[in-house]
PDB file of N, CA and C in Angstrom:
ATOM      1  N   MET A   1     -16.858 -17.626 -31.772  1.00  0.00           N
ATOM      2  CA  MET A   1     -15.896 -17.439 -30.703  1.00  0.00           C
ATOM      3  C   MET A   1     -16.568 -17.770 -29.378  1.00  0.00           C
ATOM      4  N   VAL A   2     -15.831 -18.420 -28.500  1.00  0.00           N
ATOM      5  CA  VAL A   2     -16.323 -18.760 -27.171  1.00  0.00           C
ATOM      6  C   VAL A   2     -15.439 -18.054 -26.147  1.00  0.00           C
ATOM      7  N   TRP A   3     -16.072 -17.376 -25.221  1.00  0.00           N
ATOM      8  CA  TRP A   3     -15.339 -16.639 -24.180  1.00  0.00           C
ATOM      9  C   TRP A   3     -15.336 -17.430 -22.881  1.00  0.00           C
ATOM     10  N   PHE A   4     -14.161 -17.520 -22.255  1.00  0.00           N
ATOM     11  CA  PHE A   4     -14.030 -18.186 -20.961  1.00  0.00           C
ATOM     12  C   PHE A   4     -13.520 -17.238 -19.889  1.00  0.00           C
ATOM     13  N   GLY A   5     -13.492 -15.954 -20.193  1.00  0.00           N
ATOM     14  CA  GLY A   5     -13.021 -14.963 -19.237  1.00  0.00           C
ATOM     15  C   GLY A   5     -13.700 -13.634 -19.479  1.00  0.00           C
ATOM     16  N   THR A   6     -13.457 -12.697 -18.576  1.00  0.00           N
ATOM     17  CA  THR A   6     -14.028 -11.361 -18.707  1.00  0.00           C
ATOM     18  C   THR A   6     -12.916 -10.338 -18.504  1.00  0.00           C
ATOM     19  N   PRO A   7     -12.775  -9.346 -19.389  1.00  0.00           N
ATOM     20  CA  PRO A   7     -11.678  -8.378 -19.300  1.00  0.00           C
ATOM     21  C   PRO A   7     -12.130  -6.956 -18.943  1.00  0.00           C
ATOM     22  N   PRO A   8     -12.446  -6.664 -17.680  1.00  0.00           N
ATOM     23  CA  PRO A   8     -12.837  -5.297 -17.332  1.00  0.00           C
ATOM     24  C   PRO A   8     -11.644  -4.337 -17.325  1.00  0.00           C
ATOM     25  N   GLY A   9     -11.937  -3.081 -17.646  1.00  0.00           N
ATOM     26  CA  GLY A   9     -10.939  -2.033 -17.569  1.00  0.00           C
ATOM     27  C   GLY A   9     -11.380  -0.993 -16.544  1.00  0.00           C
ATOM     28  N   MET A  10     -10.410  -0.319 -15.936  1.00  0.00           N
ATOM     29  CA  MET A  10     -10.745   0.705 -14.945  1.00  0.00           C
ATOM     30  C   MET A  10      -9.777   1.871 -15.054  1.00  0.00           C
ATOM     31  N   THR A  11     -10.331   3.068 -14.937  1.00  0.00           N
ATOM     32  CA  THR A  11      -9.519   4.278 -14.964  1.00  0.00           C
ATOM     33  C   THR A  11      -8.727   4.379 -13.667  1.00  0.00           C
ATOM     34  N   LEU A  12      -7.448   4.724 -13.795  1.00  0.00           N
ATOM     35  CA  LEU A  12      -6.592   4.887 -12.620  1.00  0.00           C
ATOM     36  C   LEU A  12      -6.293   6.366 -12.407  1.00  0.00           C
ATOM     37  N   PRO A  13      -6.072   6.789 -11.175  1.00  0.00           N
ATOM     38  CA  PRO A  13      -6.081   5.979  -9.959  1.00  0.00           C
ATOM     39  C   PRO A  13      -7.505   5.693  -9.479  1.00  0.00           C
ATOM     40  N   ASN A  14      -7.690   4.513  -8.951  1.00  0.00           N
ATOM     41  CA  ASN A  14      -8.977   4.099  -8.409  1.00  0.00           C
ATOM     42  C   ASN A  14      -8.731   2.937  -7.447  1.00  0.00           C
ATOM     43  N   ASP A  15      -8.215   3.247  -6.275  1.00  0.00           N
ATOM     44  CA  ASP A  15      -7.835   2.225  -5.297  1.00  0.00           C
ATOM     45  C   ASP A  15      -8.986   1.309  -4.923  1.00  0.00           C
ATOM     46  N   ALA A  16     -10.204   1.855  -4.796  1.00  0.00           N
ATOM     47  CA  ALA A  16     -11.359   1.037  -4.410  1.00  0.00           C
ATOM     48  C   ALA A  16     -11.674  -0.007  -5.483  1.00  0.00           C
ATOM     49  N   SER A  17     -11.639   0.389  -6.748  1.00  0.00           N
ATOM     50  CA  SER A  17     -11.928  -0.548  -7.834  1.00  0.00           C
ATOM     51  C   SER A  17     -10.828  -1.598  -7.966  1.00  0.00           C
ATOM     52  N   VAL A  18      -9.587  -1.184  -7.834  1.00  0.00           N
ATOM     53  CA  VAL A  18      -8.463  -2.133  -7.886  1.00  0.00           C
ATOM     54  C   VAL A  18      -8.615  -3.165  -6.774  1.00  0.00           C
ATOM     55  N   ALA A  19      -8.925  -2.720  -5.558  1.00  0.00           N
ATOM     56  CA  ALA A  19      -9.087  -3.633  -4.426  1.00  0.00           C
ATOM     57  C   ALA A  19     -10.277  -4.577  -4.635  1.00  0.00           C
ATOM     58  N   LEU A  20     -11.385  -4.051  -5.129  1.00  0.00           N
ATOM     59  CA  LEU A  20     -12.570  -4.887  -5.372  1.00  0.00           C
ATOM     60  C   LEU A  20     -12.259  -5.984  -6.384  1.00  0.00           C
ATOM     61  N   HIS A  21     -11.636  -5.621  -7.500  1.00  0.00           N
ATOM     62  CA  HIS A  21     -11.325  -6.622  -8.515  1.00  0.00           C
ATOM     63  C   HIS A  21     -10.333  -7.664  -7.993  1.00  0.00           C
ATOM     64  N   ARG A  22      -9.369  -7.245  -7.188  1.00  0.00           N
ATOM     65  CA  ARG A  22      -8.402  -8.185  -6.608  1.00  0.00           C
ATOM     66  C   ARG A  22      -9.112  -9.186  -5.710  1.00  0.00           C
ATOM     67  N   VAL A  23      -9.998  -8.699  -4.837  1.00  0.00           N
ATOM     68  CA  VAL A  23     -10.742  -9.569  -3.924  1.00  0.00           C
ATOM     69  C   VAL A  23     -11.628 -10.555  -4.692  1.00  0.00           C
ATOM     70  N   MET A  24     -12.141 -10.125  -5.842  1.00  0.00           N
ATOM     71  CA  MET A  24     -13.018 -10.968  -6.661  1.00  0.00           C
ATOM     72  C   MET A  24     -12.246 -11.959  -7.534  1.00  0.00           C
ATOM     73  N   GLY A  25     -10.917 -11.967  -7.420  1.00  0.00           N
ATOM     74  CA  GLY A  25     -10.107 -12.954  -8.123  1.00  0.00           C
ATOM     75  C   GLY A  25      -9.576 -12.529  -9.481  1.00  0.00           C
ATOM     76  N   PHE A  26      -9.689 -11.245  -9.811  1.00  0.00           N
ATOM     77  CA  PHE A  26      -9.158 -10.762 -11.077  1.00  0.00           C
ATOM     78  C   PHE A  26      -7.655 -10.549 -10.971  1.00  0.00           C
ATOM     79  N   GLU A  27      -6.958 -10.769 -12.079  1.00  0.00           N
ATOM     80  CA  GLU A  27      -5.511 -10.572 -12.132  1.00  0.00           C
ATOM     81  C   GLU A  27      -5.176  -9.489 -13.149  1.00  0.00           C
ATOM     82  N   PRO A  28      -4.175  -8.646 -12.852  1.00  0.00           N
ATOM     83  CA  PRO A  28      -3.795  -7.609 -13.809  1.00  0.00           C
ATOM     84  C   PRO A  28      -3.170  -8.214 -15.066  1.00  0.00           C
ATOM     85  N   VAL A  29      -3.531  -7.648 -16.228  1.00  0.00           N
ATOM     86  CA  VAL A  29      -2.963  -8.129 -17.491  1.00  0.00           C
ATOM     87  C   VAL A  29      -2.324  -7.004 -18.307  1.00  0.00           C
ATOM     88  N   GLY A  30      -2.566  -5.758 -17.944  1.00  0.00           N
ATOM     89  CA  GLY A  30      -1.926  -4.676 -18.693  1.00  0.00           C
ATOM     90  C   GLY A  30      -2.486  -3.318 -18.333  1.00  0.00           C
ATOM     91  N   THR A  31      -1.757  -2.287 -18.737  1.00  0.00           N
ATOM     92  CA  THR A  31      -2.173  -0.912 -18.488  1.00  0.00           C
ATOM     93  C   THR A  31      -1.867  -0.065 -19.710  1.00  0.00           C
ATOM     94  N   TYR A  32      -2.881   0.663 -20.167  1.00  0.00           N
ATOM     95  CA  TYR A  32      -2.675   1.670 -21.199  1.00  0.00           C
ATOM     96  C   TYR A  32      -2.333   2.967 -20.479  1.00  0.00           C
ATOM     97  N   ARG A  33      -1.185   3.528 -20.767  1.00  0.00           N
ATOM     98  CA  ARG A  33      -0.714   4.738 -20.085  1.00  0.00           C
ATOM     99  C   ARG A  33      -1.263   6.004 -20.735  1.00  0.00           C
ATOM    100  N   ARG A  34      -1.793   6.894 -19.889  1.00  0.00           N
ATOM    101  CA  ARG A  34      -2.262   8.220 -20.327  1.00  0.00           C
ATOM    102  C   ARG A  34      -3.123   8.136 -21.587  1.00  0.00           C
ATOM    103  N   ILE A  35      -4.110   7.252 -21.576  1.00  0.00           N
ATOM    104  CA  ILE A  35      -4.935   7.033 -22.756  1.00  0.00           C
ATOM    105  C   ILE A  35      -6.308   7.702 -22.678  1.00  0.00           C
ATOM    106  N   GLY A  36      -6.754   8.019 -21.473  1.00  0.00           N
ATOM    107  CA  GLY A  36      -8.091   8.600 -21.333  1.00  0.00           C
ATOM    108  C   GLY A  36      -8.070   9.961 -20.657  1.00  0.00           C
ATOM    109  N   TRP A  37      -8.845  10.891 -21.201  1.00  0.00           N
ATOM    110  CA  TRP A  37      -8.970  12.234 -20.617  1.00  0.00           C
ATOM    111  C   TRP A  37     -10.199  12.257 -19.736  1.00  0.00           C
ATOM    112  N   LYS A  38     -10.042  12.583 -18.460  1.00  0.00           N
ATOM    113  CA  LYS A  38     -11.153  12.568 -17.511  1.00  0.00           C
ATOM    114  C   LYS A  38     -10.869  13.568 -16.406  1.00  0.00           C
ATOM    115  N   HIS A  39     -11.867  14.348 -16.039  1.00  0.00           N
ATOM    116  CA  HIS A  39     -11.745  15.319 -14.944  1.00  0.00           C
ATOM    117  C   HIS A  39     -10.546  16.243 -15.130  1.00  0.00           C
ATOM    118  N   GLY A  40     -10.318  16.680 -16.377  1.00  0.00           N
ATOM    119  CA  GLY A  40      -9.273  17.659 -16.640  1.00  0.00           C
ATOM    120  C   GLY A  40      -7.861  17.123 -16.722  1.00  0.00           C
ATOM    121  N   GLY A  41      -7.677  15.817 -16.839  1.00  0.00           N
ATOM    122  CA  GLY A  41      -6.321  15.284 -16.934  1.00  0.00           C
ATOM    123  C   GLY A  41      -6.289  13.916 -17.593  1.00  0.00           C
ATOM    124  N   TRP A  42      -5.088  13.535 -18.018  1.00  0.00           N
ATOM    125  CA  TRP A  42      -4.887  12.232 -18.632  1.00  0.00           C
ATOM    126  C   TRP A  42      -4.812  11.155 -17.557  1.00  0.00           C
ATOM    127  N   HIS A  43      -5.386  10.001 -17.864  1.00  0.00           N
ATOM    128  CA  HIS A  43      -5.389   8.890 -16.912  1.00  0.00           C
ATOM    129  C   HIS A  43      -5.001   7.584 -17.602  1.00  0.00           C
ATOM    130  N   ASP A  44      -4.452   6.679 -16.808  1.00  0.00           N
ATOM    131  CA  ASP A  44      -4.165   5.333 -17.277  1.00  0.00           C
ATOM    132  C   ASP A  44      -5.441   4.499 -17.190  1.00  0.00           C
ATOM    133  N   VAL A  45      -5.515   3.454 -18.001  1.00  0.00           N
ATOM    134  CA  VAL A  45      -6.601   2.481 -17.899  1.00  0.00           C
ATOM    135  C   VAL A  45      -5.963   1.119 -17.679  1.00  0.00           C
ATOM    136  N   ALA A  46      -6.285   0.505 -16.557  1.00  0.00           N
ATOM    137  CA  ALA A  46      -5.758  -0.818 -16.216  1.00  0.00           C
ATOM    138  C   ALA A  46      -6.755  -1.892 -16.637  1.00  0.00           C
ATOM    139  N   TRP A  47      -6.235  -3.006 -17.123  1.00  0.00           N
ATOM    140  CA  TRP A  47      -7.060  -4.145 -17.538  1.00  0.00           C
ATOM    141  C   TRP A  47      -6.742  -5.338 -16.658  1.00  0.00           C
ATOM    142  N   VAL A  48      -7.793  -6.035 -16.257  1.00  0.00           N
ATOM    143  CA  VAL A  48      -7.665  -7.240 -15.440  1.00  0.00           C
ATOM    144  C   VAL A  48      -8.513  -8.339 -16.079  1.00  0.00           C
ATOM    145  N   GLN A  49      -8.277  -9.587 -15.679  1.00  0.00           N
ATOM    146  CA  GLN A  49      -9.097 -10.674 -16.204  1.00  0.00           C
ATOM    147  C   GLN A  49      -9.303 -11.745 -15.147  1.00  0.00           C
ATOM    148  N   ARG A  50     -10.345 -12.521 -15.372  1.00  0.00           N
ATOM    149  CA  ARG A  50     -10.660 -13.635 -14.481  1.00  0.00           C
ATOM    150  C   ARG A  50     -11.288 -14.738 -15.322  1.00  0.00           C
ATOM    151  N   ARG A  51     -10.859 -15.954 -15.105  1.00  0.00           N
ATOM    152  CA  ARG A  51     -11.428 -17.091 -15.815  1.00  0.00           C
ATOM    153  C   ARG A  51     -12.837 -17.340 -15.302  1.00  0.00           C
ATOM    154  N   LEU A  52     -13.773 -17.552 -16.231  1.00  0.00           N
ATOM    155  CA  LEU A  52     -15.156 -17.858 -15.866  1.00  0.00           C
ATOM    156  C   LEU A  52     -15.433 -19.353 -15.937  1.00  0.00           C
ATOM    157  N   ALA A  53     -14.642 -20.067 -16.731  1.00  0.00           N
ATOM    158  CA  ALA A  53     -14.827 -21.506 -16.899  1.00  0.00           C
ATOM    159  C   ALA A  53     -13.505 -22.102 -17.350  1.00  0.00           C
ATOM    160  N   THR A  54     -13.404 -23.393 -17.264  1.00  0.00           N
ATOM    161  CA  THR A  54     -12.219 -24.090 -17.744  1.00  0.00           C
ATOM    162  C   THR A  54     -12.364 -24.310 -19.243  1.00  0.00           C
ATOM    163  N   ALA A  55     -11.376 -23.896 -19.986  1.00  0.00           N
ATOM    164  CA  ALA A  55     -11.422 -24.028 -21.441  1.00  0.00           C
ATOM    165  C   ALA A  55     -11.237 -25.478 -21.858  1.00  0.00           C
ATOM    166  N   GLN A  56     -12.001 -25.879 -22.853  1.00  0.00           N
ATOM    167  CA  GLN A  56     -11.840 -27.186 -23.472  1.00  0.00           C
ATOM    168  C   GLN A  56     -11.055 -26.990 -24.759  1.00  0.00           C
ATOM    169  N   ASP A  57     -10.392 -28.013 -25.208  1.00  0.00           N
ATOM    170  CA  ASP A  57      -9.622 -27.892 -26.432  1.00  0.00           C
ATOM    171  C   ASP A  57     -10.041 -28.962 -27.412  1.00  0.00           C
ATOM    172  N   PRO A  58     -10.773 -28.693 -28.443  1.00  0.00           N
ATOM    173  CA  PRO A  58     -11.418 -27.417 -28.780  1.00  0.00           C
ATOM    174  C   PRO A  58     -12.696 -27.240 -27.990  1.00  0.00           C
ATOM    175  N   PRO A  59     -13.230 -26.015 -27.927  1.00  0.00           N
ATOM    176  CA  PRO A  59     -14.473 -25.793 -27.181  1.00  0.00           C
ATOM    177  C   PRO A  59     -15.660 -26.485 -27.856  1.00  0.00           C
ATOM    178  N   ALA A  60     -16.652 -26.827 -27.065  1.00  0.00           N
ATOM    179  CA  ALA A  60     -17.865 -27.424 -27.603  1.00  0.00           C
ATOM    180  C   ALA A  60     -18.578 -26.432 -28.509  1.00  0.00           C
ATOM    181  N   GLU A  61     -19.235 -26.930 -29.535  1.00  0.00           N
ATOM    182  CA  GLU A  61     -19.976 -26.057 -30.455  1.00  0.00           C
ATOM    183  C   GLU A  61     -21.175 -25.439 -29.751  1.00  0.00           C
ATOM    184  N   LEU A  62     -21.448 -24.181 -30.086  1.00  0.00           N
ATOM    185  CA  LEU A  62     -22.614 -23.495 -29.522  1.00  0.00           C
ATOM    186  C   LEU A  62     -23.869 -23.999 -30.194  1.00  0.00           C
ATOM    187  N   ARG A  63     -24.957 -24.026 -29.474  1.00  0.00           N
ATOM    188  CA  ARG A  63     -26.241 -24.452 -30.034  1.00  0.00           C
ATOM    189  C   ARG A  63     -27.145 -23.281 -30.250  1.00  0.00           C
TER     190      ARG A  63
END
């Protein structure tokens, strides 16, 4: 498998992390609702992605 992107996740609410990822060119791709328990409560986890390279079709073989 060849990866051309990176999919970070972040616990919400987290305005600073959301803003940082937006500035760095990440786009939202989904949110898991109330999936993580943290600091005494349920939290959402948001997922974002950013392309790291242009995909070839098919990708070059790894060496």
